[in-house]
């Protein structure tokens, strides 16, 4: 298995130590993987994915299937800053799929392609948002929309592709291990010292990372997966407010305040504050949710209809998405504390007590 790592132009490492280190951080590394993995330094934004001519030829001749999950995720950057890694990178992946021998491509898109095009629910597993978007998005979601449409066109031209649109990918269902760059997690860390969280009425459709990985691999091994769209959503999503209540039950103390009050506080922070990188997003955020994300209609969601292809292809495999629960939320928070991303609850309380005199 070849893994493209961001090497910034450096030569490939002699052994997959960066992969072992990063996987170890997420509690999934096993030494038995070492002999099966070859890490390659590269760059999604560059021709040939930033690899040498020799490496590109080796990939073209040896690779049978491509899982493309790489992207620069940043909700502040404009489309122009994301076009390289997210659009050009996908173009190069498709070019690799056509070189020497045709290779299947499994492209991981995002639920944001549906949300940002204002696609009405139920979200069907088809090309609707690509053919008839209500609105063409910009920024990160725009780059993913363009990339997905590129993959869709490649399908029409004979490349065997499958497109996956996951919800918000978060913690491992057993260990709680999670990425810590998500907008909501970064915002929570920033608001925590203020003892507030904004009342942000949204459906919180999170899917455990291990479910997403197992589902994509499981689907990709089925011949009937070729040429289809797959929605990896949680069958029992919750509201952001419910998730905030689970954060409170974990031990953090804060008040849920009107969004405008939280926005005002955020816009007052200086450049050293953890909320500062999110100021453009918070400044421009719409308070009222679009109907497809309104928790007032959460009981009207139709997961069986929205994930029909996934349910059909994975039937009998035992691969199911666990519902988001208070227990899973606490496991995620515990991992983020152990990882150093969040302070321990006792530490936060002690700091507040000291700062209050």
Protein backbone atom coordinates (compact mmCIF):
# COMPACT_ATOMS: atom_id res chain seq x y z
CA UNK A 1 0.00 0.00 0.00
CA UNK A 2 1.31 3.42 -0.99
CA UNK A 3 0.47 6.44 1.18
CA UNK A 4 1.10 9.97 -0.03
CA UNK A 5 2.37 12.15 2.81
CA UNK A 6 2.91 15.89 2.79
CA UNK A 7 6.65 16.09 2.43
CA UNK A 8 7.01 19.66 1.22
CA UNK A 9 9.38 18.56 -1.52
CA UNK A 10 11.59 16.48 0.79
CA UNK A 11 12.70 13.03 -0.39
CA UNK A 12 10.55 10.07 0.68
CA UNK A 13 11.45 8.64 4.09
CA UNK A 14 13.34 5.30 4.07
CA UNK A 15 10.62 3.73 6.25
CA UNK A 16 7.06 4.78 7.05
CA UNK A 17 7.96 6.34 10.38
CA UNK A 18 5.84 9.48 9.84
CA UNK A 19 2.90 7.20 9.14
CA UNK A 20 3.63 5.15 12.28
CA UNK A 21 3.88 8.32 14.36
CA UNK A 22 0.65 9.84 13.10
CA UNK A 23 -1.26 6.57 13.25
CA UNK A 24 0.12 5.94 16.72
CA UNK A 25 -1.22 9.29 17.85
CA UNK A 26 -4.68 8.14 16.80
CA UNK A 27 -4.19 4.78 18.54
CA UNK A 28 -4.43 2.66 15.41
CA UNK A 29 -0.81 1.76 14.60
CA UNK A 30 0.23 -1.88 14.55
CA UNK A 31 3.80 -2.95 13.78
CA UNK A 32 2.45 -5.58 11.41
CA UNK A 33 1.52 -2.71 9.07
CA UNK A 34 5.15 -1.66 8.59
CA UNK A 35 5.98 -4.22 5.96
CA UNK A 36 2.84 -3.44 3.97
CA UNK A 37 3.12 0.34 3.81
CA UNK A 38 5.30 2.56 1.69
CA UNK A 39 5.13 6.25 2.55
CA UNK A 40 5.75 8.67 -0.30
CA UNK A 41 6.52 12.37 0.16
CA UNK A 42 4.43 14.47 -2.19
CA UNK A 43 2.11 17.42 -2.62
CA UNK A 44 -1.47 17.29 -3.88
CA UNK A 45 -1.13 20.73 -5.43
CA UNK A 46 1.77 19.80 -7.71
CA UNK A 47 1.93 17.90 -11.01
CA UNK A 48 2.29 14.14 -10.51
CA UNK A 49 1.21 14.77 -6.89
CA UNK A 50 4.67 16.15 -6.20
CA UNK A 51 6.39 12.83 -6.86
CA UNK A 52 9.37 12.13 -9.11
CA UNK A 53 9.04 10.70 -12.60
CA UNK A 54 10.33 7.35 -11.34
CA UNK A 55 7.85 7.22 -8.46
CA UNK A 56 4.96 8.27 -10.70
CA UNK A 57 5.80 5.48 -13.13
CA UNK A 58 6.05 3.00 -10.26
CA UNK A 59 2.62 4.03 -8.99
CA UNK A 60 1.09 3.85 -12.47
CA UNK A 61 2.41 0.31 -12.98
CA UNK A 62 1.79 -1.16 -9.52
CA UNK A 63 -1.37 0.45 -8.15
CA UNK A 64 -4.68 -1.31 -8.79
CA UNK A 65 -7.09 0.94 -6.90
CA UNK A 66 -6.93 4.51 -5.54
CA UNK A 67 -8.64 5.80 -2.40
CA UNK A 68 -8.55 9.58 -2.62
CA UNK A 69 -9.24 11.13 0.77
CA UNK A 70 -6.68 13.93 0.66
CA UNK A 71 -7.64 17.60 0.80
CA UNK A 72 -6.72 20.89 2.40
CA UNK A 73 -9.61 21.56 4.79
CA UNK A 74 -9.93 25.23 5.64
CA UNK A 75 -13.23 27.09 5.86
CA UNK A 76 -11.54 30.51 5.89
CA UNK A 77 -9.38 30.23 2.76
CA UNK A 78 -10.87 31.35 -0.56
CA UNK A 79 -11.39 28.94 -3.43
CA UNK A 80 -8.22 30.22 -5.13
CA UNK A 81 -6.09 29.00 -2.20
CA UNK A 82 -7.73 25.56 -2.19
CA UNK A 83 -7.93 24.93 -5.91
CA UNK A 84 -4.41 23.49 -6.03
CA UNK A 85 -4.62 20.69 -3.47
CA UNK A 86 -8.33 19.97 -3.75
CA UNK A 87 -9.06 20.37 -7.46
CA UNK A 88 -5.67 19.99 -9.12
CA UNK A 89 -4.89 17.14 -6.75
CA UNK A 90 -8.05 15.30 -7.81
CA UNK A 91 -7.17 15.94 -11.46
CA UNK A 92 -3.77 14.31 -10.92
CA UNK A 93 -5.37 11.35 -9.13
CA UNK A 94 -7.62 10.82 -12.15
CA UNK A 95 -4.63 11.17 -14.47
CA UNK A 96 -2.83 8.49 -12.48
CA UNK A 97 -5.93 6.29 -12.79
CA UNK A 98 -5.61 6.53 -16.59
CA UNK A 99 -1.86 5.95 -16.79
CA UNK A 100 -0.46 2.54 -17.83
CA UNK A 101 -3.61 0.70 -16.72
CA UNK A 102 -7.06 1.86 -15.71
CA UNK A 103 -7.53 1.94 -11.94
CA UNK A 104 -10.68 2.22 -9.84
CA UNK A 105 -10.97 5.50 -7.92
CA UNK A 106 -12.85 5.82 -4.64
CA UNK A 107 -13.27 9.52 -4.02
CA UNK A 108 -14.17 10.81 -0.56
CA UNK A 109 -16.22 13.97 -0.93
CA UNK A 110 -18.32 15.57 1.84
CA UNK A 111 -21.88 16.22 2.96
CA UNK A 112 -21.02 19.90 2.44
CA UNK A 113 -21.49 19.39 -1.31
CA UNK A 114 -25.17 18.86 -0.53
CA UNK A 115 -25.48 21.53 2.15
CA UNK A 116 -23.65 24.29 0.30
CA UNK A 117 -25.68 23.78 -2.88
CA UNK A 118 -28.87 24.08 -0.79
CA UNK A 119 -30.03 20.67 -1.93
CA UNK A 120 -33.42 19.90 -0.31
CA UNK A 121 -33.87 16.84 1.86
CA UNK A 122 -34.06 13.96 1.57
CA UNK A 123 -30.48 13.96 0.25
CA UNK A 124 -30.51 11.31 -2.46
CA UNK A 125 -27.39 9.41 -3.48
CA UNK A 126 -27.20 10.81 -6.99
CA UNK A 127 -25.70 13.56 -9.13
CA UNK A 128 -28.43 16.11 -8.34
CA UNK A 129 -26.21 18.72 -6.63
CA UNK A 130 -23.73 18.46 -9.50
CA UNK A 131 -26.26 18.91 -12.30
CA UNK A 132 -28.76 21.29 -10.72
CA UNK A 133 -27.25 23.13 -7.75
CA UNK A 134 -29.48 25.79 -6.22
CA UNK A 135 -26.28 27.71 -5.52
CA UNK A 136 -22.68 27.04 -6.54
CA UNK A 137 -20.57 27.23 -3.37
CA UNK A 138 -17.23 28.93 -2.86
CA UNK A 139 -14.23 28.34 -0.60
CA UNK A 140 -13.60 24.84 0.69
CA UNK A 141 -17.02 23.48 -0.21
CA UNK A 142 -16.66 24.97 -3.68
CA UNK A 143 -13.36 23.17 -4.17
CA UNK A 144 -14.91 19.86 -3.10
CA UNK A 145 -17.93 20.46 -5.36
CA UNK A 146 -15.68 21.08 -8.37
CA UNK A 147 -13.55 18.05 -7.53
CA UNK A 148 -16.59 15.83 -7.15
CA UNK A 149 -17.96 17.02 -10.48
CA UNK A 150 -14.59 16.24 -12.07
CA UNK A 151 -14.77 12.68 -10.71
CA UNK A 152 -18.34 12.41 -11.96
CA UNK A 153 -17.25 13.43 -15.47
CA UNK A 154 -14.42 10.89 -15.29
CA UNK A 155 -17.05 8.23 -14.59
CA UNK A 156 -18.89 9.24 -17.75
CA UNK A 157 -15.63 8.85 -19.68
CA UNK A 158 -15.01 5.29 -18.53
CA UNK A 159 -13.02 5.45 -15.30
CA UNK A 160 -14.56 3.15 -12.64
CA UNK A 161 -15.25 5.58 -9.80
CA UNK A 162 -17.34 5.64 -6.64
CA UNK A 163 -18.14 8.81 -4.70
CA UNK A 164 -18.61 8.91 -0.93
CA UNK A 165 -20.22 11.82 0.93
CA UNK A 166 -19.63 11.41 4.68
CA UNK A 167 -21.07 13.57 7.42
CA UNK A 168 -18.78 15.16 10.00
CA UNK A 169 -16.10 12.51 10.65
CA UNK A 170 -15.17 12.45 14.30
CA UNK A 171 -14.06 10.11 17.05
CA UNK A 172 -13.29 6.40 16.89
CA UNK A 173 -16.22 4.51 18.37
CA UNK A 174 -13.97 2.51 20.73
CA UNK A 175 -11.07 4.79 21.64
CA UNK A 176 -12.54 8.26 21.13
CA UNK A 177 -9.51 9.22 18.99
CA UNK A 178 -10.36 12.14 16.73
CA UNK A 179 -8.87 14.88 14.60
CA UNK A 180 -8.80 18.22 16.37
CA UNK A 181 -8.98 20.66 13.46
CA UNK A 182 -12.76 20.70 13.07
CA UNK A 183 -14.32 24.15 13.28
CA UNK A 184 -16.69 23.19 16.11
CA UNK A 185 -13.95 21.66 18.27
CA UNK A 186 -11.64 24.62 17.75
CA UNK A 187 -14.50 27.00 18.57
CA UNK A 188 -15.31 25.05 21.74
CA UNK A 189 -11.71 25.25 22.90
CA UNK A 190 -11.73 28.99 22.26
CA UNK A 191 -15.00 29.68 24.04
CA UNK A 192 -14.17 27.46 27.02
CA UNK A 193 -12.20 30.10 28.99
CA UNK A 194 -15.14 32.50 28.52
CA UNK A 195 -17.46 29.97 30.16
CA UNK A 196 -19.89 30.23 27.25
CA UNK A 197 -20.93 28.37 24.13
CA UNK A 198 -23.15 29.92 21.45
CA UNK A 199 -26.67 28.68 20.89
CA UNK A 200 -26.20 27.47 17.33
CA UNK A 201 -29.26 25.56 16.15
CA UNK A 202 -27.93 22.90 13.82
CA UNK A 203 -28.23 19.16 13.26
CA UNK A 204 -24.96 17.55 14.35
CA UNK A 205 -24.49 14.65 11.91
CA UNK A 206 -21.29 12.99 13.12
CA UNK A 207 -19.99 9.62 11.96
CA UNK A 208 -17.23 7.65 13.76
CA UNK A 209 -14.03 7.51 11.77
CA UNK A 210 -13.70 3.74 12.12
CA UNK A 211 -17.19 3.25 10.69
CA UNK A 212 -16.37 5.48 7.71
CA UNK A 213 -13.14 3.58 7.03
CA UNK A 214 -14.77 0.15 7.29
CA UNK A 215 -17.74 1.25 5.18
CA UNK A 216 -15.64 2.70 2.36
CA UNK A 217 -13.39 -0.37 2.20
CA UNK A 218 -16.37 -2.70 2.48
CA UNK A 219 -18.28 -0.92 -0.28
CA UNK A 220 -15.24 -0.62 -2.53
CA UNK A 221 -14.81 -4.40 -2.60
CA UNK A 222 -18.29 -4.88 -4.05
CA UNK A 223 -18.57 -4.89 -7.87
CA UNK A 224 -21.94 -3.15 -7.66
CA UNK A 225 -20.29 -0.10 -6.05
CA UNK A 226 -18.80 1.13 -9.33
CA UNK A 227 -20.32 4.34 -10.63
CA UNK A 228 -22.52 5.03 -7.58
CA UNK A 229 -22.81 7.65 -4.85
CA UNK A 230 -22.79 6.69 -1.17
CA UNK A 231 -23.90 8.76 1.81
CA UNK A 232 -22.20 7.93 5.10
CA UNK A 233 -24.52 9.67 7.55
CA UNK A 234 -25.44 8.90 11.14
CA UNK A 235 -28.85 7.19 11.31
CA UNK A 236 -29.55 8.96 14.62
CA UNK A 237 -27.99 12.45 14.55
CA UNK A 238 -28.44 14.88 17.42
CA UNK A 239 -28.59 18.65 17.71
CA UNK A 240 -25.54 20.71 18.58
CA UNK A 241 -27.37 21.78 21.73
CA UNK A 242 -27.68 18.14 22.83
CA UNK A 243 -23.96 17.66 22.21
CA UNK A 244 -23.29 20.75 24.36
CA UNK A 245 -25.28 19.13 27.16
CA UNK A 246 -23.04 16.07 26.90
CA UNK A 247 -20.00 18.35 27.13
CA UNK A 248 -21.47 19.74 30.35
CA UNK A 249 -22.14 16.28 31.74
CA UNK A 250 -18.47 15.42 31.06
CA UNK A 251 -17.53 18.12 33.55
CA UNK A 252 -17.04 21.43 31.75
CA UNK A 253 -18.95 24.38 33.15
CA UNK A 254 -20.36 26.99 30.78
CA UNK A 255 -23.57 28.76 29.81
CA UNK A 256 -25.26 28.44 26.44
CA UNK A 257 -25.82 32.05 25.35
CA UNK A 258 -27.50 33.68 22.34
CA UNK A 259 -25.33 33.43 19.25
CA UNK A 260 -25.06 37.22 18.87
CA UNK A 261 -23.61 37.54 22.37
CA UNK A 262 -21.04 34.82 21.64
CA UNK A 263 -20.24 36.43 18.30
CA UNK A 264 -19.63 39.80 19.98
CA UNK A 265 -17.27 38.21 22.49
CA UNK A 266 -15.39 36.36 19.74
CA UNK A 267 -14.92 39.47 17.63
CA UNK A 268 -13.25 41.20 20.59
CA UNK A 269 -10.40 38.68 21.01
CA UNK A 270 -6.80 39.58 20.19
CA UNK A 271 -4.45 37.74 17.84
CA UNK A 272 -3.15 35.43 20.58
CA UNK A 273 -6.57 34.00 21.40
CA UNK A 274 -7.44 30.48 20.11
CA UNK A 275 -10.66 31.88 18.61
CA UNK A 276 -8.81 34.43 16.48
CA UNK A 277 -8.32 32.17 13.40
CA UNK A 278 -12.09 31.60 13.36
CA UNK A 279 -13.07 35.28 13.51
CA UNK A 280 -13.93 35.50 9.76
CA UNK A 281 -16.19 32.45 10.04
CA UNK A 282 -17.89 33.63 13.23
CA UNK A 283 -18.32 37.13 11.81
CA UNK A 284 -20.07 35.87 8.67
CA UNK A 285 -22.02 32.96 10.19
CA UNK A 286 -25.76 32.80 9.61
CA UNK A 287 -27.63 32.32 12.88
CA UNK A 288 -30.79 30.80 11.41
CA UNK A 289 -30.21 27.33 9.94
CA UNK A 290 -31.21 26.30 6.46
CA UNK A 291 -34.11 23.81 6.58
CA UNK A 292 -31.86 20.81 5.84
CA UNK A 293 -29.90 21.49 9.06
CA UNK A 294 -32.68 22.77 11.27
CA UNK A 295 -32.96 20.62 14.43
CA UNK A 296 -36.65 21.52 14.58
CA UNK A 297 -37.09 19.02 11.72
CA UNK A 298 -34.70 16.35 12.99
CA UNK A 299 -37.58 13.89 13.48
CA UNK A 300 -38.41 14.20 9.79
CA UNK A 301 -35.05 12.94 8.54
CA UNK A 302 -35.14 9.81 6.39
CA UNK A 303 -31.82 7.97 6.86
CA UNK A 304 -33.11 4.88 5.07
CA UNK A 305 -33.79 6.97 1.97
CA UNK A 306 -30.67 9.14 2.21
CA UNK A 307 -28.31 6.17 2.68
CA UNK A 308 -30.13 3.60 0.55
CA UNK A 309 -27.10 2.62 -1.54
CA UNK A 310 -24.92 2.19 1.55
CA UNK A 311 -27.51 0.06 3.32
CA UNK A 312 -28.05 -2.11 0.25
CA UNK A 313 -24.37 -2.74 -0.50
CA UNK A 314 -23.37 -3.32 3.14
CA UNK A 315 -26.36 -5.53 3.98
CA UNK A 316 -25.19 -8.63 5.85
CA UNK A 317 -21.63 -7.37 6.39
CA UNK A 318 -22.12 -6.23 9.99
CA UNK A 319 -20.82 -2.76 9.11
CA UNK A 320 -23.26 -0.35 10.71
CA UNK A 321 -22.96 3.23 11.90
CA UNK A 322 -23.40 3.51 15.68
CA UNK A 323 -25.62 6.36 16.85
CA UNK A 324 -24.00 9.36 18.53
CA UNK A 325 -24.39 8.95 22.28
CA UNK A 326 -23.31 10.65 25.48
CA UNK A 327 -20.82 7.83 26.04
CA UNK A 328 -19.18 8.37 22.64
CA UNK A 329 -19.09 12.13 23.22
CA UNK A 330 -17.32 11.62 26.56
CA UNK A 331 -14.81 9.25 24.96
CA UNK A 332 -14.03 11.90 22.35
CA UNK A 333 -13.54 14.59 25.01
CA UNK A 334 -11.36 12.29 27.09
CA UNK A 335 -9.12 11.62 24.10
CA UNK A 336 -8.81 15.36 23.38
CA UNK A 337 -7.82 15.96 27.00
CA UNK A 338 -5.22 13.17 26.94
CA UNK A 339 -3.92 14.46 23.60
CA UNK A 340 -3.45 17.93 25.08
CA UNK A 341 -5.95 19.68 22.82
CA UNK A 342 -8.37 20.39 25.69
CA UNK A 343 -7.58 21.19 29.33
CA UNK A 344 -8.75 18.77 32.00
CA UNK A 345 -12.01 19.85 33.56
CA UNK A 346 -10.41 20.31 36.99
CA UNK A 347 -7.71 22.52 35.50
CA UNK A 348 -10.27 24.80 33.86
CA UNK A 349 -12.20 25.16 37.09
CA UNK A 350 -9.02 25.96 39.03
CA UNK A 351 -8.05 28.65 36.53
CA UNK A 352 -11.50 30.21 36.77
CA UNK A 353 -11.40 30.17 40.54
CA UNK A 354 -7.98 31.85 40.49
CA UNK A 355 -8.98 34.45 37.93
CA UNK A 356 -12.10 35.40 39.86
CA UNK A 357 -10.04 36.43 42.85
